[in-house]
Amino acid sequence: SFFLSRFGFESNIALLAFVVALAAL
């Protein structure tokens, strides 16, 4: 997570949305 967060990676945005989606479900 540290590595993903220190670049402007769009995959990090998707990862957050995915985890929120699972928790909300």
mmCIF file of all heavy atoms, coordinates in Angstrom:
data_MODEL
# 
_entry.id   MODEL 
# 
loop_
_atom_site.group_PDB 
_atom_site.id 
_atom_site.type_symbol 
_atom_site.label_atom_id 
_atom_site.label_alt_id 
_atom_site.label_comp_id 
_atom_site.label_asym_id 
_atom_site.label_entity_id 
_atom_site.label_seq_id 
_atom_site.pdbx_PDB_ins_code 
_atom_site.Cartn_x 
_atom_site.Cartn_y 
_atom_site.Cartn_z 
_atom_site.occupancy 
_atom_site.B_iso_or_equiv 
_atom_site.pdbx_formal_charge 
_atom_site.auth_seq_id 
_atom_site.auth_comp_id 
_atom_site.auth_asym_id 
_atom_site.auth_atom_id 
_atom_site.pdbx_PDB_model_num 
ATOM 1   N N   . SER A 1 1  ? 0.829   -1.201 0.000   1.00 0.00 ? 1  SER A N   1 
ATOM 2   C CA  . SER A 1 1  ? 0.000   0.000  0.000   1.00 0.00 ? 1  SER A CA  1 
ATOM 3   C C   . SER A 1 1  ? 0.867   1.257  0.000   1.00 0.00 ? 1  SER A C   1 
ATOM 4   O O   . SER A 1 1  ? 0.533   2.256  -0.643  1.00 0.00 ? 1  SER A O   1 
ATOM 5   C CB  . SER A 1 1  ? -0.917  -0.002 1.234   1.00 0.00 ? 1  SER A CB  1 
ATOM 6   O OG  . SER A 1 1  ? -1.700  1.166  1.286   1.00 0.00 ? 1  SER A OG  1 
ATOM 7   N N   . PHE A 1 2  ? 1.982   1.213  0.712   1.00 0.00 ? 2  PHE A N   1 
ATOM 8   C CA  . PHE A 1 2  ? 2.915   2.344  0.749   1.00 0.00 ? 2  PHE A CA  1 
ATOM 9   C C   . PHE A 1 2  ? 3.407   2.679  -0.650  1.00 0.00 ? 2  PHE A C   1 
ATOM 10  O O   . PHE A 1 2  ? 3.414   3.832  -1.075  1.00 0.00 ? 2  PHE A O   1 
ATOM 11  C CB  . PHE A 1 2  ? 4.090   1.985  1.662   1.00 0.00 ? 2  PHE A CB  1 
ATOM 12  C CG  . PHE A 1 2  ? 5.226   2.960  1.627   1.00 0.00 ? 2  PHE A CG  1 
ATOM 13  C CD1 . PHE A 1 2  ? 5.176   4.132  2.358   1.00 0.00 ? 2  PHE A CD1 1 
ATOM 14  C CD2 . PHE A 1 2  ? 6.351   2.702  0.861   1.00 0.00 ? 2  PHE A CD2 1 
ATOM 15  C CE1 . PHE A 1 2  ? 6.236   5.031  2.332   1.00 0.00 ? 2  PHE A CE1 1 
ATOM 16  C CE2 . PHE A 1 2  ? 7.411   3.601  0.822   1.00 0.00 ? 2  PHE A CE2 1 
ATOM 17  C CZ  . PHE A 1 2  ? 7.349   4.769  1.565   1.00 0.00 ? 2  PHE A CZ  1 
ATOM 18  N N   . PHE A 1 3  ? 3.797   1.657  -1.407  1.00 0.00 ? 3  PHE A N   1 
ATOM 19  C CA  . PHE A 1 3  ? 4.318   1.854  -2.760  1.00 0.00 ? 3  PHE A CA  1 
ATOM 20  C C   . PHE A 1 3  ? 3.261   2.438  -3.683  1.00 0.00 ? 3  PHE A C   1 
ATOM 21  O O   . PHE A 1 3  ? 3.506   3.406  -4.411  1.00 0.00 ? 3  PHE A O   1 
ATOM 22  C CB  . PHE A 1 3  ? 4.821   0.515  -3.315  1.00 0.00 ? 3  PHE A CB  1 
ATOM 23  C CG  . PHE A 1 3  ? 5.324   0.598  -4.728  1.00 0.00 ? 3  PHE A CG  1 
ATOM 24  C CD1 . PHE A 1 3  ? 6.588   1.088  -4.996  1.00 0.00 ? 3  PHE A CD1 1 
ATOM 25  C CD2 . PHE A 1 3  ? 4.535   0.178  -5.788  1.00 0.00 ? 3  PHE A CD2 1 
ATOM 26  C CE1 . PHE A 1 3  ? 7.065   1.161  -6.308  1.00 0.00 ? 3  PHE A CE1 1 
ATOM 27  C CE2 . PHE A 1 3  ? 4.991   0.260  -7.097  1.00 0.00 ? 3  PHE A CE2 1 
ATOM 28  C CZ  . PHE A 1 3  ? 6.264   0.753  -7.353  1.00 0.00 ? 3  PHE A CZ  1 
ATOM 29  N N   . LEU A 1 4  ? 2.058   1.864  -3.639  1.00 0.00 ? 4  LEU A N   1 
ATOM 30  C CA  . LEU A 1 4  ? 0.974   2.359  -4.491  1.00 0.00 ? 4  LEU A CA  1 
ATOM 31  C C   . LEU A 1 4  ? 0.618   3.807  -4.181  1.00 0.00 ? 4  LEU A C   1 
ATOM 32  O O   . LEU A 1 4  ? 0.266   4.577  -5.078  1.00 0.00 ? 4  LEU A O   1 
ATOM 33  C CB  . LEU A 1 4  ? -0.274  1.492  -4.310  1.00 0.00 ? 4  LEU A CB  1 
ATOM 34  C CG  . LEU A 1 4  ? -0.306  0.113  -4.968  1.00 0.00 ? 4  LEU A CG  1 
ATOM 35  C CD1 . LEU A 1 4  ? -1.613  -0.587 -4.640  1.00 0.00 ? 4  LEU A CD1 1 
ATOM 36  C CD2 . LEU A 1 4  ? -0.113  0.204  -6.462  1.00 0.00 ? 4  LEU A CD2 1 
ATOM 37  N N   . SER A 1 5  ? 0.729   4.179  -2.913  1.00 0.00 ? 5  SER A N   1 
ATOM 38  C CA  . SER A 1 5  ? 0.270   5.502  -2.477  1.00 0.00 ? 5  SER A CA  1 
ATOM 39  C C   . SER A 1 5  ? 1.253   6.616  -2.785  1.00 0.00 ? 5  SER A C   1 
ATOM 40  O O   . SER A 1 5  ? 0.887   7.789  -2.725  1.00 0.00 ? 5  SER A O   1 
ATOM 41  C CB  . SER A 1 5  ? -0.012  5.478  -0.973  1.00 0.00 ? 5  SER A CB  1 
ATOM 42  O OG  . SER A 1 5  ? -1.004  4.531  -0.661  1.00 0.00 ? 5  SER A OG  1 
ATOM 43  N N   . ARG A 1 6  ? 2.497   6.295  -3.101  1.00 0.00 ? 6  ARG A N   1 
ATOM 44  C CA  . ARG A 1 6  ? 3.492   7.338  -3.317  1.00 0.00 ? 6  ARG A CA  1 
ATOM 45  C C   . ARG A 1 6  ? 3.757   7.600  -4.802  1.00 0.00 ? 6  ARG A C   1 
ATOM 46  O O   . ARG A 1 6  ? 4.660   8.355  -5.160  1.00 0.00 ? 6  ARG A O   1 
ATOM 47  C CB  . ARG A 1 6  ? 4.787   7.010  -2.576  1.00 0.00 ? 6  ARG A CB  1 
ATOM 48  C CG  . ARG A 1 6  ? 4.599   7.061  -1.065  1.00 0.00 ? 6  ARG A CG  1 
ATOM 49  C CD  . ARG A 1 6  ? 5.893   6.911  -0.312  1.00 0.00 ? 6  ARG A CD  1 
ATOM 50  N NE  . ARG A 1 6  ? 6.776   8.049  -0.526  1.00 0.00 ? 6  ARG A NE  1 
ATOM 51  C CZ  . ARG A 1 6  ? 6.761   9.150  0.221   1.00 0.00 ? 6  ARG A CZ  1 
ATOM 52  N NH1 . ARG A 1 6  ? 5.896   9.269  1.218   1.00 0.00 ? 6  ARG A NH1 1 
ATOM 53  N NH2 . ARG A 1 6  ? 7.598   10.133 -0.027  1.00 0.00 ? 6  ARG A NH2 1 
ATOM 54  N N   . PHE A 1 7  ? 2.973   7.001  -5.649  1.00 0.00 ? 7  PHE A N   1 
ATOM 55  C CA  . PHE A 1 7  ? 2.907   7.349  -7.064  1.00 0.00 ? 7  PHE A CA  1 
ATOM 56  C C   . PHE A 1 7  ? 1.468   7.752  -7.377  1.00 0.00 ? 7  PHE A C   1 
ATOM 57  O O   . PHE A 1 7  ? 0.547   7.399  -6.634  1.00 0.00 ? 7  PHE A O   1 
ATOM 58  C CB  . PHE A 1 7  ? 3.296   6.170  -7.965  1.00 0.00 ? 7  PHE A CB  1 
ATOM 59  C CG  . PHE A 1 7  ? 4.767   5.886  -8.026  1.00 0.00 ? 7  PHE A CG  1 
ATOM 60  C CD1 . PHE A 1 7  ? 5.324   4.865  -7.278  1.00 0.00 ? 7  PHE A CD1 1 
ATOM 61  C CD2 . PHE A 1 7  ? 5.599   6.636  -8.849  1.00 0.00 ? 7  PHE A CD2 1 
ATOM 62  C CE1 . PHE A 1 7  ? 6.682   4.590  -7.343  1.00 0.00 ? 7  PHE A CE1 1 
ATOM 63  C CE2 . PHE A 1 7  ? 6.960   6.375  -8.930  1.00 0.00 ? 7  PHE A CE2 1 
ATOM 64  C CZ  . PHE A 1 7  ? 7.504   5.345  -8.173  1.00 0.00 ? 7  PHE A CZ  1 
ATOM 65  N N   . GLY A 1 8  ? 1.281   8.452  -8.464  1.00 0.00 ? 8  GLY A N   1 
ATOM 66  C CA  . GLY A 1 8  ? -0.075  8.827  -8.877  1.00 0.00 ? 8  GLY A CA  1 
ATOM 67  C C   . GLY A 1 8  ? -0.755  7.686  -9.596  1.00 0.00 ? 8  GLY A C   1 
ATOM 68  O O   . GLY A 1 8  ? -1.127  7.812  -10.771 1.00 0.00 ? 8  GLY A O   1 
ATOM 69  N N   . PHE A 1 9  ? -0.936  6.568  -8.885  1.00 0.00 ? 9  PHE A N   1 
ATOM 70  C CA  . PHE A 1 9  ? -1.502  5.370  -9.494  1.00 0.00 ? 9  PHE A CA  1 
ATOM 71  C C   . PHE A 1 9  ? -3.024  5.395  -9.433  1.00 0.00 ? 9  PHE A C   1 
ATOM 72  O O   . PHE A 1 9  ? -3.615  5.492  -8.348  1.00 0.00 ? 9  PHE A O   1 
ATOM 73  C CB  . PHE A 1 9  ? -1.000  4.116  -8.779  1.00 0.00 ? 9  PHE A CB  1 
ATOM 74  C CG  . PHE A 1 9  ? 0.389   3.702  -9.147  1.00 0.00 ? 9  PHE A CG  1 
ATOM 75  C CD1 . PHE A 1 9  ? 1.204   3.072  -8.223  1.00 0.00 ? 9  PHE A CD1 1 
ATOM 76  C CD2 . PHE A 1 9  ? 0.886   3.933  -10.420 1.00 0.00 ? 9  PHE A CD2 1 
ATOM 77  C CE1 . PHE A 1 9  ? 2.487   2.671  -8.556  1.00 0.00 ? 9  PHE A CE1 1 
ATOM 78  C CE2 . PHE A 1 9  ? 2.171   3.547  -10.767 1.00 0.00 ? 9  PHE A CE2 1 
ATOM 79  C CZ  . PHE A 1 9  ? 2.970   2.920  -9.833  1.00 0.00 ? 9  PHE A CZ  1 
ATOM 80  N N   . GLU A 1 10 ? -3.666  5.236  -10.593 1.00 0.00 ? 10 GLU A N   1 
ATOM 81  C CA  . GLU A 1 10 ? -5.128  5.163  -10.614 1.00 0.00 ? 10 GLU A CA  1 
ATOM 82  C C   . GLU A 1 10 ? -5.637  3.871  -9.986  1.00 0.00 ? 10 GLU A C   1 
ATOM 83  O O   . GLU A 1 10 ? -6.771  3.803  -9.502  1.00 0.00 ? 10 GLU A O   1 
ATOM 84  C CB  . GLU A 1 10 ? -5.645  5.301  -12.045 1.00 0.00 ? 10 GLU A CB  1 
ATOM 85  C CG  . GLU A 1 10 ? -5.298  4.141  -12.976 1.00 0.00 ? 10 GLU A CG  1 
ATOM 86  C CD  . GLU A 1 10 ? -3.983  4.319  -13.714 1.00 0.00 ? 10 GLU A CD  1 
ATOM 87  O OE1 . GLU A 1 10 ? -3.071  4.935  -13.133 1.00 0.00 ? 10 GLU A OE1 1 
ATOM 88  O OE2 . GLU A 1 10 ? -3.882  3.832  -14.859 1.00 0.00 ? 10 GLU A OE2 1 
ATOM 89  N N   . SER A 1 11 ? -4.790  2.846  -9.956  1.00 0.00 ? 11 SER A N   1 
ATOM 90  C CA  . SER A 1 11 ? -5.201  1.584  -9.343  1.00 0.00 ? 11 SER A CA  1 
ATOM 91  C C   . SER A 1 11 ? -5.447  1.747  -7.849  1.00 0.00 ? 11 SER A C   1 
ATOM 92  O O   . SER A 1 11 ? -6.229  1.004  -7.251  1.00 0.00 ? 11 SER A O   1 
ATOM 93  C CB  . SER A 1 11 ? -4.128  0.514  -9.579  1.00 0.00 ? 11 SER A CB  1 
ATOM 94  O OG  . SER A 1 11 ? -2.876  0.917  -9.053  1.00 0.00 ? 11 SER A OG  1 
ATOM 95  N N   . ASN A 1 12 ? -4.785  2.710  -7.221  1.00 0.00 ? 12 ASN A N   1 
ATOM 96  C CA  . ASN A 1 12 ? -4.993  2.952  -5.793  1.00 0.00 ? 12 ASN A CA  1 
ATOM 97  C C   . ASN A 1 12 ? -6.372  3.534  -5.530  1.00 0.00 ? 12 ASN A C   1 
ATOM 98  O O   . ASN A 1 12 ? -6.997  3.247  -4.499  1.00 0.00 ? 12 ASN A O   1 
ATOM 99  C CB  . ASN A 1 12 ? -3.908  3.892  -5.274  1.00 0.00 ? 12 ASN A CB  1 
ATOM 100 C CG  . ASN A 1 12 ? -3.538  3.613  -3.829  1.00 0.00 ? 12 ASN A CG  1 
ATOM 101 O OD1 . ASN A 1 12 ? -3.667  2.487  -3.357  1.00 0.00 ? 12 ASN A OD1 1 
ATOM 102 N ND2 . ASN A 1 12 ? -3.075  4.622  -3.125  1.00 0.00 ? 12 ASN A ND2 1 
ATOM 103 N N   . ILE A 1 13 ? -6.855  4.349  -6.461  1.00 0.00 ? 13 ILE A N   1 
ATOM 104 C CA  . ILE A 1 13 ? -8.215  4.886  -6.344  1.00 0.00 ? 13 ILE A CA  1 
ATOM 105 C C   . ILE A 1 13 ? -9.233  3.754  -6.459  1.00 0.00 ? 13 ILE A C   1 
ATOM 106 O O   . ILE A 1 13 ? -10.195 3.668  -5.691  1.00 0.00 ? 13 ILE A O   1 
ATOM 107 C CB  . ILE A 1 13 ? -8.482  5.942  -7.442  1.00 0.00 ? 13 ILE A CB  1 
ATOM 108 C CG1 . ILE A 1 13 ? -7.393  7.030  -7.441  1.00 0.00 ? 13 ILE A CG1 1 
ATOM 109 C CG2 . ILE A 1 13 ? -9.864  6.540  -7.281  1.00 0.00 ? 13 ILE A CG2 1 
ATOM 110 C CD1 . ILE A 1 13 ? -7.284  7.809  -6.166  1.00 0.00 ? 13 ILE A CD1 1 
ATOM 111 N N   . ALA A 1 14 ? -9.003  2.864  -7.421  1.00 0.00 ? 14 ALA A N   1 
ATOM 112 C CA  . ALA A 1 14 ? -9.910  1.733  -7.623  1.00 0.00 ? 14 ALA A CA  1 
ATOM 113 C C   . ALA A 1 14 ? -9.899  0.792  -6.423  1.00 0.00 ? 14 ALA A C   1 
ATOM 114 O O   . ALA A 1 14 ? -10.942 0.256  -6.037  1.00 0.00 ? 14 ALA A O   1 
ATOM 115 C CB  . ALA A 1 14 ? -9.522  0.979  -8.890  1.00 0.00 ? 14 ALA A CB  1 
ATOM 116 N N   . LEU A 1 15 ? -8.732  0.597  -5.837  1.00 0.00 ? 15 LEU A N   1 
ATOM 117 C CA  . LEU A 1 15 ? -8.629  -0.283 -4.672  1.00 0.00 ? 15 LEU A CA  1 
ATOM 118 C C   . LEU A 1 15 ? -9.463  0.245  -3.516  1.00 0.00 ? 15 LEU A C   1 
ATOM 119 O O   . LEU A 1 15 ? -10.189 -0.515 -2.857  1.00 0.00 ? 15 LEU A O   1 
ATOM 120 C CB  . LEU A 1 15 ? -7.165  -0.412 -4.251  1.00 0.00 ? 15 LEU A CB  1 
ATOM 121 C CG  . LEU A 1 15 ? -6.884  -1.215 -2.977  1.00 0.00 ? 15 LEU A CG  1 
ATOM 122 C CD1 . LEU A 1 15 ? -7.366  -2.653 -3.127  1.00 0.00 ? 15 LEU A CD1 1 
ATOM 123 C CD2 . LEU A 1 15 ? -5.393  -1.179 -2.640  1.00 0.00 ? 15 LEU A CD2 1 
ATOM 124 N N   . LEU A 1 16 ? -9.380  1.537  -3.258  1.00 0.00 ? 16 LEU A N   1 
ATOM 125 C CA  . LEU A 1 16 ? -10.185 2.134  -2.194  1.00 0.00 ? 16 LEU A CA  1 
ATOM 126 C C   . LEU A 1 16 ? -11.670 1.958  -2.472  1.00 0.00 ? 16 LEU A C   1 
ATOM 127 O O   . LEU A 1 16 ? -12.442 1.550  -1.584  1.00 0.00 ? 16 LEU A O   1 
ATOM 128 C CB  . LEU A 1 16 ? -9.851  3.624  -2.056  1.00 0.00 ? 16 LEU A CB  1 
ATOM 129 C CG  . LEU A 1 16 ? -10.738 4.421  -1.092  1.00 0.00 ? 16 LEU A CG  1 
ATOM 130 C CD1 . LEU A 1 16 ? -10.611 3.891  0.328   1.00 0.00 ? 16 LEU A CD1 1 
ATOM 131 C CD2 . LEU A 1 16 ? -10.385 5.906  -1.158  1.00 0.00 ? 16 LEU A CD2 1 
ATOM 132 N N   . ALA A 1 17 ? -12.093 2.235  -3.692  1.00 0.00 ? 17 ALA A N   1 
ATOM 133 C CA  . ALA A 1 17 ? -13.504 2.099  -4.051  1.00 0.00 ? 17 ALA A CA  1 
ATOM 134 C C   . ALA A 1 17 ? -13.972 0.653  -3.897  1.00 0.00 ? 17 ALA A C   1 
ATOM 135 O O   . ALA A 1 17 ? -15.096 0.394  -3.434  1.00 0.00 ? 17 ALA A O   1 
ATOM 136 C CB  . ALA A 1 17 ? -13.732 2.576  -5.480  1.00 0.00 ? 17 ALA A CB  1 
ATOM 137 N N   . PHE A 1 18 ? -13.122 -0.299 -4.251  1.00 0.00 ? 18 PHE A N   1 
ATOM 138 C CA  . PHE A 1 18 ? -13.481 -1.712 -4.177  1.00 0.00 ? 18 PHE A CA  1 
ATOM 139 C C   . PHE A 1 18 ? -13.670 -2.163 -2.727  1.00 0.00 ? 18 PHE A C   1 
ATOM 140 O O   . PHE A 1 18 ? -14.627 -2.873 -2.400  1.00 0.00 ? 18 PHE A O   1 
ATOM 141 C CB  . PHE A 1 18 ? -12.411 -2.556 -4.862  1.00 0.00 ? 18 PHE A CB  1 
ATOM 142 C CG  . PHE A 1 18 ? -12.774 -4.007 -5.014  1.00 0.00 ? 18 PHE A CG  1 
ATOM 143 C CD1 . PHE A 1 18 ? -13.750 -4.401 -5.906  1.00 0.00 ? 18 PHE A CD1 1 
ATOM 144 C CD2 . PHE A 1 18 ? -12.133 -4.984 -4.261  1.00 0.00 ? 18 PHE A CD2 1 
ATOM 145 C CE1 . PHE A 1 18 ? -14.083 -5.740 -6.058  1.00 0.00 ? 18 PHE A CE1 1 
ATOM 146 C CE2 . PHE A 1 18 ? -12.453 -6.322 -4.407  1.00 0.00 ? 18 PHE A CE2 1 
ATOM 147 C CZ  . PHE A 1 18 ? -13.441 -6.707 -5.302  1.00 0.00 ? 18 PHE A CZ  1 
ATOM 148 N N   . VAL A 1 19 ? -12.759 -1.754 -1.856  1.00 0.00 ? 19 VAL A N   1 
ATOM 149 C CA  . VAL A 1 19 ? -12.864 -2.134 -0.444  1.00 0.00 ? 19 VAL A CA  1 
ATOM 150 C C   . VAL A 1 19 ? -14.099 -1.502 0.193   1.00 0.00 ? 19 VAL A C   1 
ATOM 151 O O   . VAL A 1 19 ? -14.822 -2.147 0.966   1.00 0.00 ? 19 VAL A O   1 
ATOM 152 C CB  . VAL A 1 19 ? -11.584 -1.736 0.320   1.00 0.00 ? 19 VAL A CB  1 
ATOM 153 C CG1 . VAL A 1 19 ? -11.747 -1.976 1.819   1.00 0.00 ? 19 VAL A CG1 1 
ATOM 154 C CG2 . VAL A 1 19 ? -10.389 -2.531 -0.199  1.00 0.00 ? 19 VAL A CG2 1 
ATOM 155 N N   . VAL A 1 20 ? -14.366 -0.236 -0.127  1.00 0.00 ? 20 VAL A N   1 
ATOM 156 C CA  . VAL A 1 20 ? -15.578 0.425  0.375   1.00 0.00 ? 20 VAL A CA  1 
ATOM 157 C C   . VAL A 1 20 ? -16.825 -0.310 -0.120  1.00 0.00 ? 20 VAL A C   1 
ATOM 158 O O   . VAL A 1 20 ? -17.790 -0.506 0.631   1.00 0.00 ? 20 VAL A O   1 
ATOM 159 C CB  . VAL A 1 20 ? -15.612 1.904  -0.053  1.00 0.00 ? 20 VAL A CB  1 
ATOM 160 C CG1 . VAL A 1 20 ? -16.980 2.522  0.228   1.00 0.00 ? 20 VAL A CG1 1 
ATOM 161 C CG2 . VAL A 1 20 ? -14.528 2.687  0.667   1.00 0.00 ? 20 VAL A CG2 1 
ATOM 162 N N   . ALA A 1 21 ? -16.805 -0.737 -1.381  1.00 0.00 ? 21 ALA A N   1 
ATOM 163 C CA  . ALA A 1 21 ? -17.943 -1.458 -1.950  1.00 0.00 ? 21 ALA A CA  1 
ATOM 164 C C   . ALA A 1 21 ? -18.205 -2.764 -1.207  1.00 0.00 ? 21 ALA A C   1 
ATOM 165 O O   . ALA A 1 21 ? -19.360 -3.099 -0.901  1.00 0.00 ? 21 ALA A O   1 
ATOM 166 C CB  . ALA A 1 21 ? -17.698 -1.735 -3.431  1.00 0.00 ? 21 ALA A CB  1 
ATOM 167 N N   . LEU A 1 22 ? -17.150 -3.495 -0.899  1.00 0.00 ? 22 LEU A N   1 
ATOM 168 C CA  . LEU A 1 22 ? -17.301 -4.758 -0.174  1.00 0.00 ? 22 LEU A CA  1 
ATOM 169 C C   . LEU A 1 22 ? -17.826 -4.524 1.237   1.00 0.00 ? 22 LEU A C   1 
ATOM 170 O O   . LEU A 1 22 ? -18.738 -5.229 1.695   1.00 0.00 ? 22 LEU A O   1 
ATOM 171 C CB  . LEU A 1 22 ? -15.955 -5.482 -0.102  1.00 0.00 ? 22 LEU A CB  1 
ATOM 172 C CG  . LEU A 1 22 ? -15.396 -6.038 -1.414  1.00 0.00 ? 22 LEU A CG  1 
ATOM 173 C CD1 . LEU A 1 22 ? -14.008 -6.633 -1.176  1.00 0.00 ? 22 LEU A CD1 1 
ATOM 174 C CD2 . LEU A 1 22 ? -16.330 -7.111 -1.982  1.00 0.00 ? 22 LEU A CD2 1 
ATOM 175 N N   . ALA A 1 23 ? -17.258 -3.524 1.926   1.00 0.00 ? 23 ALA A N   1 
ATOM 176 C CA  . ALA A 1 23 ? -17.695 -3.229 3.282   1.00 0.00 ? 23 ALA A CA  1 
ATOM 177 C C   . ALA A 1 23 ? -19.159 -2.781 3.309   1.00 0.00 ? 23 ALA A C   1 
ATOM 178 O O   . ALA A 1 23 ? -19.940 -3.214 4.163   1.00 0.00 ? 23 ALA A O   1 
ATOM 179 C CB  . ALA A 1 23 ? -16.801 -2.156 3.900   1.00 0.00 ? 23 ALA A CB  1 
ATOM 180 N N   . ALA A 1 24 ? -19.524 -1.927 2.368   1.00 0.00 ? 24 ALA A N   1 
ATOM 181 C CA  . ALA A 1 24 ? -20.912 -1.446 2.299   1.00 0.00 ? 24 ALA A CA  1 
ATOM 182 C C   . ALA A 1 24 ? -21.877 -2.582 1.976   1.00 0.00 ? 24 ALA A C   1 
ATOM 183 O O   . ALA A 1 24 ? -23.001 -2.619 2.496   1.00 0.00 ? 24 ALA A O   1 
ATOM 184 C CB  . ALA A 1 24 ? -21.027 -0.340 1.256   1.00 0.00 ? 24 ALA A CB  1 
ATOM 185 N N   . LEU A 1 25 ? -21.452 -3.518 1.129   1.00 0.00 ? 25 LEU A N   1 
ATOM 186 C CA  . LEU A 1 25 ? -22.304 -4.654 0.784   1.00 0.00 ? 25 LEU A CA  1 
ATOM 187 C C   . LEU A 1 25 ? -22.543 -5.542 2.001   1.00 0.00 ? 25 LEU A C   1 
ATOM 188 O O   . LEU A 1 25 ? -23.674 -6.005 2.238   1.00 0.00 ? 25 LEU A O   1 
ATOM 189 C CB  . LEU A 1 25 ? -21.674 -5.458 -0.347  1.00 0.00 ? 25 LEU A CB  1 
ATOM 190 C CG  . LEU A 1 25 ? -22.481 -6.652 -0.856  1.00 0.00 ? 25 LEU A CG  1 
ATOM 191 C CD1 . LEU A 1 25 ? -23.869 -6.219 -1.319  1.00 0.00 ? 25 LEU A CD1 1 
ATOM 192 C CD2 . LEU A 1 25 ? -21.741 -7.352 -1.999  1.00 0.00 ? 25 LEU A CD2 1 
# 
